[in-house]
Amino acid sequence: MNRKFLIFLAIIFSIVIIGFIIWAIISISSMQCGENRAKEIANDWIIKNSSTYKFDGYGLAFDSLTKLDCDKCYQLSFWFNTRHPGYGDRSNMMIAQYVTSHKIVIKINKCKIMEAINDGKFNELENKPIIPDSLGIEILQQGQGNQAKKGDEVSVNYIGTFSDGKEFNSNLDKNNPLIFTLGAGQVIEGWDLGLLDMRVGEKRKLTIPPELAYGSRGTPGGEIPPNSTLIFEVELLGIK
């Protein structure tokens, strides 16, 4: 009886220990790239990238957090004020000043900032997408002329394959270029980021991870399975 009881206790103890280890792993992972860590990263980025905020700003306040459709991806918004001198130099802030409120939205993927968008009133934090390390960009052919930027209408030819080389989509033999506005969310995020600064005639190979493509859901009908890495060869035909 005592032997059976000791075995039972040993089993219970083992289950408790295993449960604690699993909980600890999940907790550490959450701390590393969870919501609280995302807030800290965004907060630190604003302070680091705004010389005015570091010099005379105050009132940085968290506004909201939205979970995006990928693992450990968040969109955060902040309000903050900057205090500027009305006259005199900036070293004498008591002479006169005015206060301007600003809002900034920051997207974070696995503890890395992907994009920072301000309200257009504060020129120190540029509305420039931040290209994540997970997006592979390889220039296959150089182009000429102006570079494509966010808001441009672009026309492209493309071929899309899976990691194993199987083709799933292409317009090369259709004589029908794809036309869309870059950075407007009309295509997957990997395209909006990966085609920035392309020149007409340039060809690029984009290796796009799931979080910048169709995520854990894939596409309706299953053409793109969940968690698929996609590879595109894209040629920029024109910019309007």
C-alpha atoms as a PDB file:
ATOM      1  CA  MET A   1       0.000   0.000   0.000  1.00  0.00           C
ATOM      2  CA  ASN A   2       2.765   2.403   0.941  1.00  0.00           C
ATOM      3  CA  ARG A   3       4.636   1.550  -2.259  1.00  0.00           C
ATOM      4  CA  LYS A   4       1.556   2.311  -4.385  1.00  0.00           C
ATOM      5  CA  PHE A   5       1.004   5.546  -2.498  1.00  0.00           C
ATOM      6  CA  LEU A   6       4.617   6.627  -3.055  1.00  0.00           C
ATOM      7  CA  ILE A   7       4.324   5.841  -6.778  1.00  0.00           C
ATOM      8  CA  PHE A   8       1.120   7.893  -6.926  1.00  0.00           C
ATOM      9  CA  LEU A   9       2.824  10.832  -5.199  1.00  0.00           C
ATOM     10  CA  ALA A  10       5.778  10.552  -7.574  1.00  0.00           C
ATOM     11  CA  ILE A  11       3.448  10.679 -10.576  1.00  0.00           C
ATOM     12  CA  ILE A  12       1.584  13.709  -9.175  1.00  0.00           C
ATOM     13  CA  PHE A  13       4.880  15.425  -8.407  1.00  0.00           C
ATOM     14  CA  SER A  14       6.152  14.752 -11.941  1.00  0.00           C
ATOM     15  CA  ILE A  15       2.958  16.168 -13.456  1.00  0.00           C
ATOM     16  CA  VAL A  16       3.253  19.292 -11.297  1.00  0.00           C
ATOM     17  CA  ILE A  17       6.905  19.772 -12.282  1.00  0.00           C
ATOM     18  CA  ILE A  18       6.166  19.310 -16.005  1.00  0.00           C
ATOM     19  CA  GLY A  19       3.236  21.729 -15.750  1.00  0.00           C
ATOM     20  CA  PHE A  20       5.439  24.289 -14.016  1.00  0.00           C
ATOM     21  CA  ILE A  21       8.117  23.976 -16.721  1.00  0.00           C
ATOM     22  CA  ILE A  22       5.520  24.465 -19.482  1.00  0.00           C
ATOM     23  CA  TRP A  23       4.062  27.465 -17.655  1.00  0.00           C
ATOM     24  CA  ALA A  24       7.533  28.954 -17.201  1.00  0.00           C
ATOM     25  CA  ILE A  25       8.358  28.545 -20.908  1.00  0.00           C
ATOM     26  CA  ILE A  26       5.085  30.166 -21.938  1.00  0.00           C
ATOM     27  CA  SER A  27       5.549  32.981 -19.427  1.00  0.00           C
ATOM     28  CA  ILE A  28       9.106  33.701 -20.550  1.00  0.00           C
ATOM     29  CA  SER A  29       8.012  33.684 -24.190  1.00  0.00           C
ATOM     30  CA  SER A  30       5.154  36.038 -23.372  1.00  0.00           C
ATOM     31  CA  MET A  31       7.512  38.349 -21.496  1.00  0.00           C
ATOM     32  CA  GLN A  32       9.927  38.391 -24.411  1.00  0.00           C
ATOM     33  CA  CYS A  33       7.458  39.239 -27.160  1.00  0.00           C
ATOM     34  CA  GLY A  34       4.090  39.682 -25.471  1.00  0.00           C
ATOM     35  CA  GLU A  35       1.906  42.774 -25.183  1.00  0.00           C
ATOM     36  CA  ASN A  36       3.841  44.364 -22.318  1.00  0.00           C
ATOM     37  CA  ARG A  37       7.143  43.887 -24.103  1.00  0.00           C
ATOM     38  CA  ALA A  38       5.625  45.329 -27.291  1.00  0.00           C
ATOM     39  CA  LYS A  39       4.602  48.456 -25.349  1.00  0.00           C
ATOM     40  CA  GLU A  40       8.120  48.856 -23.990  1.00  0.00           C
ATOM     41  CA  ILE A  41       9.704  48.473 -27.428  1.00  0.00           C
ATOM     42  CA  ALA A  42       7.344  51.001 -29.019  1.00  0.00           C
ATOM     43  CA  ASN A  43       7.800  53.457 -26.149  1.00  0.00           C
ATOM     44  CA  ASP A  44      11.589  53.220 -26.344  1.00  0.00           C
ATOM     45  CA  TRP A  45      11.545  53.636 -30.152  1.00  0.00           C
ATOM     46  CA  ILE A  46       9.558  56.882 -29.929  1.00  0.00           C
ATOM     47  CA  ILE A  47      11.945  58.359 -27.386  1.00  0.00           C
ATOM     48  CA  LYS A  48      15.041  57.198 -29.284  1.00  0.00           C
ATOM     49  CA  ASN A  49      13.899  58.529 -32.664  1.00  0.00           C
ATOM     50  CA  SER A  50      12.512  61.899 -31.591  1.00  0.00           C
ATOM     51  CA  SER A  51      15.119  64.469 -30.652  1.00  0.00           C
ATOM     52  CA  THR A  52      12.369  66.941 -29.702  1.00  0.00           C
ATOM     53  CA  TYR A  53      10.722  64.459 -27.384  1.00  0.00           C
ATOM     54  CA  LYS A  54      14.028  63.757 -25.667  1.00  0.00           C
ATOM     55  CA  PHE A  55      14.770  67.462 -25.368  1.00  0.00           C
ATOM     56  CA  ASP A  56      11.506  69.074 -24.335  1.00  0.00           C
ATOM     57  CA  GLY A  57       8.671  66.578 -24.761  1.00  0.00           C
ATOM     58  CA  TYR A  58       6.410  65.234 -22.075  1.00  0.00           C
ATOM     59  CA  GLY A  59       3.190  63.332 -21.615  1.00  0.00           C
ATOM     60  CA  LEU A  60       3.900  60.185 -23.650  1.00  0.00           C
ATOM     61  CA  ALA A  61       0.776  58.076 -23.149  1.00  0.00           C
ATOM     62  CA  PHE A  62      -0.235  54.635 -24.373  1.00  0.00           C
ATOM     63  CA  ASP A  63      -3.539  54.737 -26.278  1.00  0.00           C
ATOM     64  CA  SER A  64      -4.439  51.264 -27.561  1.00  0.00           C
ATOM     65  CA  LEU A  65      -3.154  47.847 -28.645  1.00  0.00           C
ATOM     66  CA  THR A  66      -4.603  45.588 -31.351  1.00  0.00           C
ATOM     67  CA  LYS A  67      -3.532  41.980 -31.978  1.00  0.00           C
ATOM     68  CA  LEU A  68      -2.752  41.413 -35.660  1.00  0.00           C
ATOM     69  CA  ASP A  69      -3.265  38.204 -37.626  1.00  0.00           C
ATOM     70  CA  CYS A  70       0.125  36.664 -36.997  1.00  0.00           C
ATOM     71  CA  ASP A  71       1.933  35.268 -33.968  1.00  0.00           C
ATOM     72  CA  LYS A  72       3.126  37.988 -31.573  1.00  0.00           C
ATOM     73  CA  CYS A  73       2.136  40.796 -33.938  1.00  0.00           C
ATOM     74  CA  TYR A  74       0.648  43.992 -32.518  1.00  0.00           C
ATOM     75  CA  GLN A  75      -0.454  47.441 -33.600  1.00  0.00           C
ATOM     76  CA  LEU A  76      -0.018  50.074 -30.895  1.00  0.00           C
ATOM     77  CA  SER A  77      -0.935  53.743 -30.798  1.00  0.00           C
ATOM     78  CA  PHE A  78       0.432  56.449 -28.510  1.00  0.00           C
ATOM     79  CA  TRP A  79      -0.396  60.061 -27.779  1.00  0.00           C
ATOM     80  CA  PHE A  80       2.339  62.473 -26.812  1.00  0.00           C
ATOM     81  CA  ASN A  81       2.865  66.202 -26.552  1.00  0.00           C
ATOM     82  CA  THR A  82       5.880  68.227 -27.607  1.00  0.00           C
ATOM     83  CA  ARG A  83       6.637  71.541 -26.024  1.00  0.00           C
ATOM     84  CA  HIS A  84       8.176  74.164 -28.301  1.00  0.00           C
ATOM     85  CA  PRO A  85       9.409  77.686 -27.497  1.00  0.00           C
ATOM     86  CA  GLY A  86       7.332  80.524 -28.874  1.00  0.00           C
ATOM     87  CA  TYR A  87      10.315  82.865 -29.055  1.00  0.00           C
ATOM     88  CA  GLY A  88      13.829  83.005 -27.703  1.00  0.00           C
ATOM     89  CA  ASP A  89      16.046  79.937 -27.793  1.00  0.00           C
ATOM     90  CA  ARG A  90      15.119  76.418 -26.724  1.00  0.00           C
ATOM     91  CA  SER A  91      17.329  76.587 -23.643  1.00  0.00           C
ATOM     92  CA  ASN A  92      14.952  79.059 -21.987  1.00  0.00           C
ATOM     93  CA  MET A  93      11.653  77.204 -21.967  1.00  0.00           C
ATOM     94  CA  MET A  94      10.042  79.616 -19.486  1.00  0.00           C
ATOM     95  CA  ILE A  95      10.041  82.552 -21.929  1.00  0.00           C
ATOM     96  CA  ALA A  96       7.167  81.270 -24.024  1.00  0.00           C
ATOM     97  CA  GLN A  97       6.004  77.974 -25.409  1.00  0.00           C
ATOM     98  CA  TYR A  98       3.203  76.173 -27.173  1.00  0.00           C
ATOM     99  CA  VAL A  99       2.155  72.538 -26.971  1.00  0.00           C
ATOM    100  CA  THR A 100       1.299  70.257 -29.878  1.00  0.00           C
ATOM    101  CA  SER A 101      -0.365  66.853 -29.513  1.00  0.00           C
ATOM    102  CA  HIS A 102       0.639  64.011 -31.805  1.00  0.00           C
ATOM    103  CA  LYS A 103      -0.476  60.455 -32.416  1.00  0.00           C
ATOM    104  CA  ILE A 104       1.734  57.669 -33.690  1.00  0.00           C
ATOM    105  CA  VAL A 105       0.821  54.101 -34.673  1.00  0.00           C
ATOM    106  CA  ILE A 106       3.505  51.412 -34.481  1.00  0.00           C
ATOM    107  CA  LYS A 107       3.349  47.839 -35.799  1.00  0.00           C
ATOM    108  CA  ILE A 108       5.479  45.200 -34.081  1.00  0.00           C
ATOM    109  CA  ASN A 109       6.213  41.641 -35.196  1.00  0.00           C
ATOM    110  CA  LYS A 110       8.036  39.337 -32.776  1.00  0.00           C
ATOM    111  CA  CYS A 111       9.629  42.212 -30.866  1.00  0.00           C
ATOM    112  CA  LYS A 112      10.735  44.027 -34.042  1.00  0.00           C
ATOM    113  CA  ILE A 113       9.207  47.285 -35.222  1.00  0.00           C
ATOM    114  CA  MET A 114       7.826  46.907 -38.745  1.00  0.00           C
ATOM    115  CA  GLU A 115       6.270  50.308 -39.340  1.00  0.00           C
ATOM    116  CA  ALA A 116       5.751  53.649 -37.609  1.00  0.00           C
ATOM    117  CA  ILE A 117       3.064  56.007 -38.897  1.00  0.00           C
ATOM    118  CA  ASN A 118       2.536  59.459 -37.391  1.00  0.00           C
ATOM    119  CA  ASP A 119      -0.316  61.922 -37.784  1.00  0.00           C
ATOM    120  CA  GLY A 120       1.533  64.008 -40.374  1.00  0.00           C
ATOM    121  CA  LYS A 121       2.125  66.907 -37.997  1.00  0.00           C
ATOM    122  CA  PHE A 122       5.445  65.789 -36.584  1.00  0.00           C
ATOM    123  CA  ASN A 123       8.264  65.555 -39.103  1.00  0.00           C
ATOM    124  CA  GLU A 124      10.877  63.993 -36.825  1.00  0.00           C
ATOM    125  CA  LEU A 125       9.196  60.564 -36.925  1.00  0.00           C
ATOM    126  CA  GLU A 126       8.930  59.869 -40.642  1.00  0.00           C
ATOM    127  CA  ASN A 127       6.069  57.855 -42.095  1.00  0.00           C
ATOM    128  CA  LYS A 128       8.546  55.387 -43.525  1.00  0.00           C
ATOM    129  CA  PRO A 129       7.922  51.637 -43.399  1.00  0.00           C
ATOM    130  CA  ILE A 130      10.558  49.668 -41.561  1.00  0.00           C
ATOM    131  CA  ILE A 131      11.526  46.553 -43.542  1.00  0.00           C
ATOM    132  CA  PRO A 132      11.571  43.478 -41.245  1.00  0.00           C
ATOM    133  CA  ASP A 133      14.545  41.128 -41.381  1.00  0.00           C
ATOM    134  CA  SER A 134      12.238  38.218 -42.188  1.00  0.00           C
ATOM    135  CA  LEU A 135      11.471  39.646 -45.664  1.00  0.00           C
ATOM    136  CA  GLY A 136      13.998  38.497 -48.240  1.00  0.00           C
ATOM    137  CA  ILE A 137      14.706  40.986 -51.057  1.00  0.00           C
ATOM    138  CA  GLU A 138      17.085  40.104 -53.900  1.00  0.00           C
ATOM    139  CA  ILE A 139      17.614  42.339 -56.945  1.00  0.00           C
ATOM    140  CA  LEU A 140      17.772  40.164 -60.068  1.00  0.00           C
ATOM    141  CA  GLN A 141      17.962  42.980 -62.629  1.00  0.00           C
ATOM    142  CA  GLN A 142      18.703  46.669 -62.184  1.00  0.00           C
ATOM    143  CA  GLY A 143      16.191  49.271 -63.365  1.00  0.00           C
ATOM    144  CA  GLN A 144      16.294  52.945 -64.310  1.00  0.00           C
ATOM    145  CA  GLY A 145      14.477  56.144 -63.459  1.00  0.00           C
ATOM    146  CA  ASN A 146      12.483  57.152 -60.408  1.00  0.00           C
ATOM    147  CA  GLN A 147      11.997  54.844 -57.455  1.00  0.00           C
ATOM    148  CA  ALA A 148       8.558  53.592 -56.445  1.00  0.00           C
ATOM    149  CA  LYS A 149       7.331  55.019 -53.167  1.00  0.00           C
ATOM    150  CA  LYS A 150       4.327  54.625 -50.935  1.00  0.00           C
ATOM    151  CA  GLY A 151       1.217  56.027 -52.645  1.00  0.00           C
ATOM    152  CA  ASP A 152       2.457  55.478 -56.217  1.00  0.00           C
ATOM    153  CA  GLU A 153       0.329  53.528 -58.668  1.00  0.00           C
ATOM    154  CA  VAL A 154       2.565  50.790 -60.039  1.00  0.00           C
ATOM    155  CA  SER A 155       2.179  48.108 -62.715  1.00  0.00           C
ATOM    156  CA  VAL A 156       4.051  44.808 -62.448  1.00  0.00           C
ATOM    157  CA  ASN A 157       4.500  41.376 -63.928  1.00  0.00           C
ATOM    158  CA  TYR A 158       5.061  38.523 -61.502  1.00  0.00           C
ATOM    159  CA  ILE A 159       5.309  34.818 -60.907  1.00  0.00           C
ATOM    160  CA  GLY A 160       4.597  33.268 -57.510  1.00  0.00           C
ATOM    161  CA  THR A 161       5.860  29.925 -56.220  1.00  0.00           C
ATOM    162  CA  PHE A 162       5.954  28.002 -52.976  1.00  0.00           C
ATOM    163  CA  SER A 163       9.222  27.121 -51.233  1.00  0.00           C
ATOM    164  CA  ASP A 164       9.318  23.806 -53.110  1.00  0.00           C
ATOM    165  CA  GLY A 165       9.235  25.613 -56.471  1.00  0.00           C
ATOM    166  CA  LYS A 166       5.621  24.797 -57.310  1.00  0.00           C
ATOM    167  CA  GLU A 167       3.963  27.712 -59.124  1.00  0.00           C
ATOM    168  CA  PHE A 168       0.631  28.942 -57.776  1.00  0.00           C
ATOM    169  CA  ASN A 169       0.055  32.181 -59.682  1.00  0.00           C
ATOM    170  CA  SER A 170       1.496  34.263 -62.530  1.00  0.00           C
ATOM    171  CA  ASN A 171       0.474  36.912 -65.055  1.00  0.00           C
ATOM    172  CA  LEU A 172       3.472  36.500 -67.366  1.00  0.00           C
ATOM    173  CA  ASP A 173       1.495  34.841 -70.157  1.00  0.00           C
ATOM    174  CA  LYS A 174      -1.670  36.918 -69.764  1.00  0.00           C
ATOM    175  CA  ASN A 175      -0.466  40.246 -71.203  1.00  0.00           C
ATOM    176  CA  ASN A 176      -2.295  41.868 -68.299  1.00  0.00           C
ATOM    177  CA  PRO A 177      -0.028  43.720 -65.824  1.00  0.00           C
ATOM    178  CA  LEU A 178      -1.157  43.918 -62.214  1.00  0.00           C
ATOM    179  CA  ILE A 179      -1.853  47.563 -61.257  1.00  0.00           C
ATOM    180  CA  PHE A 180      -2.188  48.694 -57.638  1.00  0.00           C
ATOM    181  CA  THR A 181      -1.308  51.512 -55.247  1.00  0.00           C
ATOM    182  CA  LEU A 182       1.874  50.739 -53.347  1.00  0.00           C
ATOM    183  CA  GLY A 183       1.488  50.812 -49.569  1.00  0.00           C
ATOM    184  CA  ALA A 184      -2.315  51.019 -49.623  1.00  0.00           C
ATOM    185  CA  GLY A 185      -2.953  47.464 -48.456  1.00  0.00           C
ATOM    186  CA  GLN A 186      -4.304  46.330 -51.843  1.00  0.00           C
ATOM    187  CA  VAL A 187      -1.733  43.517 -51.942  1.00  0.00           C
ATOM    188  CA  ILE A 188      -0.054  41.443 -49.245  1.00  0.00           C
ATOM    189  CA  GLU A 189       2.228  43.327 -46.882  1.00  0.00           C
ATOM    190  CA  GLY A 190       5.324  41.585 -48.245  1.00  0.00           C
ATOM    191  CA  TRP A 191       4.671  43.283 -51.593  1.00  0.00           C
ATOM    192  CA  ASP A 192       3.913  46.696 -50.094  1.00  0.00           C
ATOM    193  CA  LEU A 193       7.267  46.569 -48.298  1.00  0.00           C
ATOM    194  CA  GLY A 194       9.328  44.539 -50.760  1.00  0.00           C
ATOM    195  CA  LEU A 195       8.616  46.702 -53.826  1.00  0.00           C
ATOM    196  CA  LEU A 196       9.538  50.026 -52.207  1.00  0.00           C
ATOM    197  CA  ASP A 197      12.327  51.931 -53.988  1.00  0.00           C
ATOM    198  CA  MET A 198      12.118  49.732 -57.123  1.00  0.00           C
ATOM    199  CA  ARG A 199      12.947  51.376 -60.434  1.00  0.00           C
ATOM    200  CA  VAL A 200      11.170  50.792 -63.733  1.00  0.00           C
ATOM    201  CA  GLY A 201      12.641  47.725 -65.398  1.00  0.00           C
ATOM    202  CA  GLU A 202      13.961  46.344 -62.124  1.00  0.00           C
ATOM    203  CA  LYS A 203      13.302  42.714 -61.201  1.00  0.00           C
ATOM    204  CA  ARG A 204      13.257  41.474 -57.634  1.00  0.00           C
ATOM    205  CA  LYS A 205      12.929  38.144 -55.916  1.00  0.00           C
ATOM    206  CA  LEU A 206      10.851  38.406 -52.736  1.00  0.00           C
ATOM    207  CA  THR A 207      10.876  35.646 -50.118  1.00  0.00           C
ATOM    208  CA  ILE A 208       7.838  36.467 -48.005  1.00  0.00           C
ATOM    209  CA  PRO A 209       7.201  34.780 -44.632  1.00  0.00           C
ATOM    210  CA  PRO A 210       3.623  33.876 -43.611  1.00  0.00           C
ATOM    211  CA  GLU A 211       3.201  36.885 -41.313  1.00  0.00           C
ATOM    212  CA  LEU A 212       3.735  39.205 -44.300  1.00  0.00           C
ATOM    213  CA  ALA A 213       1.570  37.125 -46.648  1.00  0.00           C
ATOM    214  CA  TYR A 214      -1.576  35.171 -45.727  1.00  0.00           C
ATOM    215  CA  GLY A 215      -0.645  34.233 -42.164  1.00  0.00           C
ATOM    216  CA  SER A 216      -2.093  31.289 -40.278  1.00  0.00           C
ATOM    217  CA  ARG A 217      -5.336  31.356 -42.281  1.00  0.00           C
ATOM    218  CA  GLY A 218      -4.103  30.947 -45.837  1.00  0.00           C
ATOM    219  CA  THR A 219      -6.533  31.857 -48.606  1.00  0.00           C
ATOM    220  CA  PRO A 220     -10.174  30.807 -49.059  1.00  0.00           C
ATOM    221  CA  GLY A 221     -10.355  27.562 -50.983  1.00  0.00           C
ATOM    222  CA  GLY A 222      -6.894  26.522 -49.870  1.00  0.00           C
ATOM    223  CA  GLU A 223      -4.866  27.780 -52.840  1.00  0.00           C
ATOM    224  CA  ILE A 224      -2.385  29.224 -50.335  1.00  0.00           C
ATOM    225  CA  PRO A 225      -2.177  26.851 -47.330  1.00  0.00           C
ATOM    226  CA  PRO A 226      -1.838  28.281 -43.804  1.00  0.00           C
ATOM    227  CA  ASN A 227       1.649  29.389 -42.717  1.00  0.00           C
ATOM    228  CA  SER A 228       3.043  29.377 -46.267  1.00  0.00           C
ATOM    229  CA  THR A 229       6.284  31.096 -47.231  1.00  0.00           C
ATOM    230  CA  LEU A 230       5.836  32.563 -50.708  1.00  0.00           C
ATOM    231  CA  ILE A 231       8.437  33.430 -53.330  1.00  0.00           C
ATOM    232  CA  PHE A 232       7.735  36.022 -56.019  1.00  0.00           C
ATOM    233  CA  GLU A 233       9.772  37.255 -58.945  1.00  0.00           C
ATOM    234  CA  VAL A 234       8.426  40.712 -59.746  1.00  0.00           C
ATOM    235  CA  GLU A 235       9.258  43.143 -62.577  1.00  0.00           C
ATOM    236  CA  LEU A 236       8.259  46.799 -62.247  1.00  0.00           C
ATOM    237  CA  LEU A 237       6.812  47.956 -65.564  1.00  0.00           C
ATOM    238  CA  GLY A 238       5.694  51.479 -64.729  1.00  0.00           C
ATOM    239  CA  ILE A 239       5.028  54.128 -62.076  1.00  0.00           C
ATOM    240  CA  LYS A 240       2.270  56.759 -62.116  1.00  0.00           C
END
